[in-house]
């Protein structure tokens, strides 16, 4: 097998080549979009207490990326991770409708007991009552994961719904 040997000769770059290389590096660094930070509520309110209040009262939370979370009264939610590339929360009880801004930089994950819902950009609802979890999709696509599903995963599109823990999983 042929294996090229590394060259031991230095590469010579003239002043014009060095200037062009420096300009190219500067352009790449300058043009690189800044990584997004954690999601925040629109306005100045901290996200976690705002979500708790919305879940208690049955209200919506508007996020700075254009997404919205509508929480039914007496729902129980807990944010798990909020970073530039992932937003996850646990729906412990109740119902939440998510309007995730399509094409966003974050992977959204909703944990509802034994069911995990993964999203890119869509409108969907997750309802949890004890071990029974329902997922319905209005727009876009989600992946529903659970050991109770055949092959442990099911993709749902607009107009589709599933209940896990009941008879139609």
C-alpha atoms as a PDB file:
ATOM      1  CA  UNK A   1       0.000   0.000   0.000  1.00  0.00           C
ATOM      2  CA  UNK A   2       1.221   3.452  -0.906  1.00  0.00           C
ATOM      3  CA  UNK A   3       1.594   5.844   2.025  1.00  0.00           C
ATOM      4  CA  UNK A   4       2.655   9.379   1.207  1.00  0.00           C
ATOM      5  CA  UNK A   5       5.494  10.697   3.288  1.00  0.00           C
ATOM      6  CA  UNK A   6       5.067  14.120   4.816  1.00  0.00           C
ATOM      7  CA  UNK A   7       7.017  16.820   3.068  1.00  0.00           C
ATOM      8  CA  UNK A   8       9.901  18.192   5.049  1.00  0.00           C
ATOM      9  CA  UNK A   9      10.237  21.308   2.945  1.00  0.00           C
ATOM     10  CA  UNK A  10       8.760  24.509   4.382  1.00  0.00           C
ATOM     11  CA  UNK A  11       5.976  26.125   2.401  1.00  0.00           C
ATOM     12  CA  UNK A  12       6.896  29.591   1.248  1.00  0.00           C
ATOM     13  CA  UNK A  13       4.153  32.216   1.150  1.00  0.00           C
ATOM     14  CA  UNK A  14       4.875  35.634  -0.213  1.00  0.00           C
ATOM     15  CA  UNK A  15       3.622  38.825   1.408  1.00  0.00           C
ATOM     16  CA  UNK A  16       0.537  38.851  -0.857  1.00  0.00           C
ATOM     17  CA  UNK A  17      -0.275  35.224   0.019  1.00  0.00           C
ATOM     18  CA  UNK A  18       0.105  35.878   3.732  1.00  0.00           C
ATOM     19  CA  UNK A  19      -2.185  38.902   3.482  1.00  0.00           C
ATOM     20  CA  UNK A  20      -4.789  36.882   1.564  1.00  0.00           C
ATOM     21  CA  UNK A  21      -4.610  34.064   4.130  1.00  0.00           C
ATOM     22  CA  UNK A  22      -5.027  36.520   7.021  1.00  0.00           C
ATOM     23  CA  UNK A  23      -8.022  38.130   5.288  1.00  0.00           C
ATOM     24  CA  UNK A  24      -9.642  34.728   4.707  1.00  0.00           C
ATOM     25  CA  UNK A  25      -9.218  33.731   8.360  1.00  0.00           C
ATOM     26  CA  UNK A  26     -10.593  37.090   9.537  1.00  0.00           C
ATOM     27  CA  UNK A  27     -13.623  36.716   7.229  1.00  0.00           C
ATOM     28  CA  UNK A  28     -14.403  33.230   8.545  1.00  0.00           C
ATOM     29  CA  UNK A  29     -14.120  34.361  12.164  1.00  0.00           C
ATOM     30  CA  UNK A  30     -16.149  37.550  11.554  1.00  0.00           C
ATOM     31  CA  UNK A  31     -18.876  35.807   9.513  1.00  0.00           C
ATOM     32  CA  UNK A  32     -19.392  32.953  11.985  1.00  0.00           C
ATOM     33  CA  UNK A  33     -22.766  33.447  13.669  1.00  0.00           C
ATOM     34  CA  UNK A  34     -22.647  33.791  17.413  1.00  0.00           C
ATOM     35  CA  UNK A  35     -23.935  30.679  19.172  1.00  0.00           C
ATOM     36  CA  UNK A  36     -27.311  31.344  20.759  1.00  0.00           C
ATOM     37  CA  UNK A  37     -27.559  31.382  24.516  1.00  0.00           C
ATOM     38  CA  UNK A  38     -30.253  29.823  26.670  1.00  0.00           C
ATOM     39  CA  UNK A  39     -33.889  30.520  25.885  1.00  0.00           C
ATOM     40  CA  UNK A  40     -35.392  33.399  27.816  1.00  0.00           C
ATOM     41  CA  UNK A  41     -38.918  34.617  28.317  1.00  0.00           C
ATOM     42  CA  UNK A  42     -39.791  37.726  26.357  1.00  0.00           C
ATOM     43  CA  UNK A  43     -39.473  40.709  28.634  1.00  0.00           C
ATOM     44  CA  UNK A  44     -37.331  40.616  31.726  1.00  0.00           C
ATOM     45  CA  UNK A  45     -38.945  37.817  33.752  1.00  0.00           C
ATOM     46  CA  UNK A  46     -36.754  34.786  34.612  1.00  0.00           C
ATOM     47  CA  UNK A  47     -37.972  31.705  32.725  1.00  0.00           C
ATOM     48  CA  UNK A  48     -38.300  29.131  35.538  1.00  0.00           C
ATOM     49  CA  UNK A  49     -40.566  31.110  37.914  1.00  0.00           C
ATOM     50  CA  UNK A  50     -42.606  32.323  34.935  1.00  0.00           C
ATOM     51  CA  UNK A  51     -43.182  28.725  33.780  1.00  0.00           C
ATOM     52  CA  UNK A  52     -44.193  27.643  37.298  1.00  0.00           C
ATOM     53  CA  UNK A  53     -46.705  30.500  37.528  1.00  0.00           C
ATOM     54  CA  UNK A  54     -48.082  29.741  34.045  1.00  0.00           C
ATOM     55  CA  UNK A  55     -48.507  26.067  34.972  1.00  0.00           C
ATOM     56  CA  UNK A  56     -50.275  26.977  38.207  1.00  0.00           C
ATOM     57  CA  UNK A  57     -52.638  29.473  36.553  1.00  0.00           C
ATOM     58  CA  UNK A  58     -53.068  27.957  33.086  1.00  0.00           C
ATOM     59  CA  UNK A  59     -51.240  30.546  30.967  1.00  0.00           C
ATOM     60  CA  UNK A  60     -48.726  30.900  28.142  1.00  0.00           C
ATOM     61  CA  UNK A  61     -45.021  31.688  28.162  1.00  0.00           C
ATOM     62  CA  UNK A  62     -43.573  33.509  25.133  1.00  0.00           C
ATOM     63  CA  UNK A  63     -39.900  32.806  24.462  1.00  0.00           C
ATOM     64  CA  UNK A  64     -37.314  35.058  22.858  1.00  0.00           C
ATOM     65  CA  UNK A  65     -36.870  32.738  19.825  1.00  0.00           C
ATOM     66  CA  UNK A  66     -40.564  33.119  18.854  1.00  0.00           C
ATOM     67  CA  UNK A  67     -41.675  29.835  20.447  1.00  0.00           C
ATOM     68  CA  UNK A  68     -44.560  29.606  22.942  1.00  0.00           C
ATOM     69  CA  UNK A  69     -45.534  27.137  25.647  1.00  0.00           C
ATOM     70  CA  UNK A  70     -49.211  27.031  26.698  1.00  0.00           C
ATOM     71  CA  UNK A  71     -49.655  25.301  30.050  1.00  0.00           C
ATOM     72  CA  UNK A  72     -52.991  23.988  31.302  1.00  0.00           C
ATOM     73  CA  UNK A  73     -54.054  24.990  34.820  1.00  0.00           C
ATOM     74  CA  UNK A  74     -52.480  22.840  37.556  1.00  0.00           C
ATOM     75  CA  UNK A  75     -49.852  21.351  35.249  1.00  0.00           C
ATOM     76  CA  UNK A  76     -46.465  20.460  36.701  1.00  0.00           C
ATOM     77  CA  UNK A  77     -43.399  21.258  34.582  1.00  0.00           C
ATOM     78  CA  UNK A  78     -39.716  21.434  35.357  1.00  0.00           C
ATOM     79  CA  UNK A  79     -37.047  22.750  32.993  1.00  0.00           C
ATOM     80  CA  UNK A  80     -34.202  20.208  32.773  1.00  0.00           C
ATOM     81  CA  UNK A  81     -31.755  21.817  30.342  1.00  0.00           C
ATOM     82  CA  UNK A  82     -31.689  25.214  28.671  1.00  0.00           C
ATOM     83  CA  UNK A  83     -28.691  25.813  26.431  1.00  0.00           C
ATOM     84  CA  UNK A  84     -27.989  27.220  22.996  1.00  0.00           C
ATOM     85  CA  UNK A  85     -28.482  23.835  21.330  1.00  0.00           C
ATOM     86  CA  UNK A  86     -30.996  22.048  23.596  1.00  0.00           C
ATOM     87  CA  UNK A  87     -34.116  22.873  25.586  1.00  0.00           C
ATOM     88  CA  UNK A  88     -35.670  20.075  27.615  1.00  0.00           C
ATOM     89  CA  UNK A  89     -38.306  19.951  30.276  1.00  0.00           C
ATOM     90  CA  UNK A  90     -40.211  17.395  32.293  1.00  0.00           C
ATOM     91  CA  UNK A  91     -44.014  17.395  32.159  1.00  0.00           C
ATOM     92  CA  UNK A  92     -44.843  15.706  35.456  1.00  0.00           C
ATOM     93  CA  UNK A  93     -48.620  16.178  35.205  1.00  0.00           C
ATOM     94  CA  UNK A  94     -51.200  18.058  33.161  1.00  0.00           C
ATOM     95  CA  UNK A  95     -51.030  19.334  29.610  1.00  0.00           C
ATOM     96  CA  UNK A  96     -48.729  21.585  27.610  1.00  0.00           C
ATOM     97  CA  UNK A  97     -49.076  22.811  24.019  1.00  0.00           C
ATOM     98  CA  UNK A  98     -45.786  23.728  22.361  1.00  0.00           C
ATOM     99  CA  UNK A  99     -45.323  26.067  19.404  1.00  0.00           C
ATOM    100  CA  UNK A 100     -41.665  25.559  18.535  1.00  0.00           C
ATOM    101  CA  UNK A 101     -40.240  28.036  16.062  1.00  0.00           C
ATOM    102  CA  UNK A 102     -39.227  26.059  12.937  1.00  0.00           C
ATOM    103  CA  UNK A 103     -35.589  26.125  11.883  1.00  0.00           C
ATOM    104  CA  UNK A 104     -34.331  27.127  15.309  1.00  0.00           C
ATOM    105  CA  UNK A 105     -30.904  26.120  16.561  1.00  0.00           C
ATOM    106  CA  UNK A 106     -32.186  24.086  19.509  1.00  0.00           C
ATOM    107  CA  UNK A 107     -33.313  20.512  19.849  1.00  0.00           C
ATOM    108  CA  UNK A 108     -36.441  20.462  22.007  1.00  0.00           C
ATOM    109  CA  UNK A 109     -37.131  17.454  24.228  1.00  0.00           C
ATOM    110  CA  UNK A 110     -40.183  16.893  26.434  1.00  0.00           C
ATOM    111  CA  UNK A 111     -39.926  14.141  29.049  1.00  0.00           C
ATOM    112  CA  UNK A 112     -43.308  12.856  30.260  1.00  0.00           C
ATOM    113  CA  UNK A 113     -42.653   9.873  32.500  1.00  0.00           C
ATOM    114  CA  UNK A 114     -41.842   6.880  30.306  1.00  0.00           C
ATOM    115  CA  UNK A 115     -42.327   8.886  27.081  1.00  0.00           C
ATOM    116  CA  UNK A 116     -39.863  11.256  25.398  1.00  0.00           C
ATOM    117  CA  UNK A 117     -40.924  13.636  22.610  1.00  0.00           C
ATOM    118  CA  UNK A 118     -38.206  15.128  20.362  1.00  0.00           C
ATOM    119  CA  UNK A 119     -38.908  18.151  18.197  1.00  0.00           C
ATOM    120  CA  UNK A 120     -37.263  20.434  15.661  1.00  0.00           C
ATOM    121  CA  UNK A 121     -40.039  22.897  14.720  1.00  0.00           C
ATOM    122  CA  UNK A 122     -43.718  22.166  15.113  1.00  0.00           C
ATOM    123  CA  UNK A 123     -46.937  22.646  17.046  1.00  0.00           C
ATOM    124  CA  UNK A 124     -47.835  19.739  19.317  1.00  0.00           C
ATOM    125  CA  UNK A 125     -49.539  18.897  22.599  1.00  0.00           C
ATOM    126  CA  UNK A 126     -48.440  16.500  25.343  1.00  0.00           C
ATOM    127  CA  UNK A 127     -50.944  15.415  28.001  1.00  0.00           C
ATOM    128  CA  UNK A 128     -49.976  13.322  31.008  1.00  0.00           C
ATOM    129  CA  UNK A 129     -52.246  11.659  33.535  1.00  0.00           C
ATOM    130  CA  UNK A 130     -50.238   9.337  35.775  1.00  0.00           C
ATOM    131  CA  UNK A 131     -48.684   6.717  33.411  1.00  0.00           C
ATOM    132  CA  UNK A 132     -50.918   7.599  30.443  1.00  0.00           C
ATOM    133  CA  UNK A 133     -49.268  10.032  27.974  1.00  0.00           C
ATOM    134  CA  UNK A 134     -50.947  11.435  24.863  1.00  0.00           C
ATOM    135  CA  UNK A 135     -49.121  13.268  22.070  1.00  0.00           C
ATOM    136  CA  UNK A 136     -50.882  15.030  19.188  1.00  0.00           C
ATOM    137  CA  UNK A 137     -49.289  17.000  16.342  1.00  0.00           C
ATOM    138  CA  UNK A 138     -50.937  19.981  14.662  1.00  0.00           C
ATOM    139  CA  UNK A 139     -48.029  20.994  12.395  1.00  0.00           C
ATOM    140  CA  UNK A 140     -44.584  19.558  11.675  1.00  0.00           C
ATOM    141  CA  UNK A 141     -43.174  16.276  12.990  1.00  0.00           C
ATOM    142  CA  UNK A 142     -42.110  14.796  16.311  1.00  0.00           C
ATOM    143  CA  UNK A 143     -40.452  11.582  17.407  1.00  0.00           C
ATOM    144  CA  UNK A 144     -42.130   9.784  20.299  1.00  0.00           C
ATOM    145  CA  UNK A 145     -39.863   7.379  22.180  1.00  0.00           C
ATOM    146  CA  UNK A 146     -40.948   4.809  24.756  1.00  0.00           C
ATOM    147  CA  UNK A 147     -40.109   1.223  25.626  1.00  0.00           C
ATOM    148  CA  UNK A 148     -43.841   0.569  25.302  1.00  0.00           C
ATOM    149  CA  UNK A 149     -43.842   1.343  21.555  1.00  0.00           C
ATOM    150  CA  UNK A 150     -43.095  -1.189  18.854  1.00  0.00           C
ATOM    151  CA  UNK A 151     -39.410  -0.654  17.979  1.00  0.00           C
ATOM    152  CA  UNK A 152     -39.364   1.946  20.811  1.00  0.00           C
ATOM    153  CA  UNK A 153     -39.977   4.947  18.519  1.00  0.00           C
ATOM    154  CA  UNK A 154     -42.807   6.363  16.416  1.00  0.00           C
ATOM    155  CA  UNK A 155     -42.710   9.404  14.131  1.00  0.00           C
ATOM    156  CA  UNK A 156     -45.868  11.516  14.128  1.00  0.00           C
ATOM    157  CA  UNK A 157     -46.829  14.126  11.544  1.00  0.00           C
ATOM    158  CA  UNK A 158     -49.551  16.764  11.310  1.00  0.00           C
ATOM    159  CA  UNK A 159     -52.964  15.408  12.268  1.00  0.00           C
ATOM    160  CA  UNK A 160     -51.541  12.307  13.988  1.00  0.00           C
ATOM    161  CA  UNK A 161     -51.794  11.368  17.646  1.00  0.00           C
ATOM    162  CA  UNK A 162     -50.790   8.546  19.941  1.00  0.00           C
ATOM    163  CA  UNK A 163     -51.503   7.489  23.500  1.00  0.00           C
ATOM    164  CA  UNK A 164     -48.788   5.536  25.282  1.00  0.00           C
ATOM    165  CA  UNK A 165     -49.663   3.495  28.321  1.00  0.00           C
ATOM    166  CA  UNK A 166     -53.163   2.821  26.977  1.00  0.00           C
ATOM    167  CA  UNK A 167     -54.385   0.337  24.374  1.00  0.00           C
ATOM    168  CA  UNK A 168     -53.328   2.032  21.079  1.00  0.00           C
ATOM    169  CA  UNK A 169     -49.526   2.156  21.535  1.00  0.00           C
END
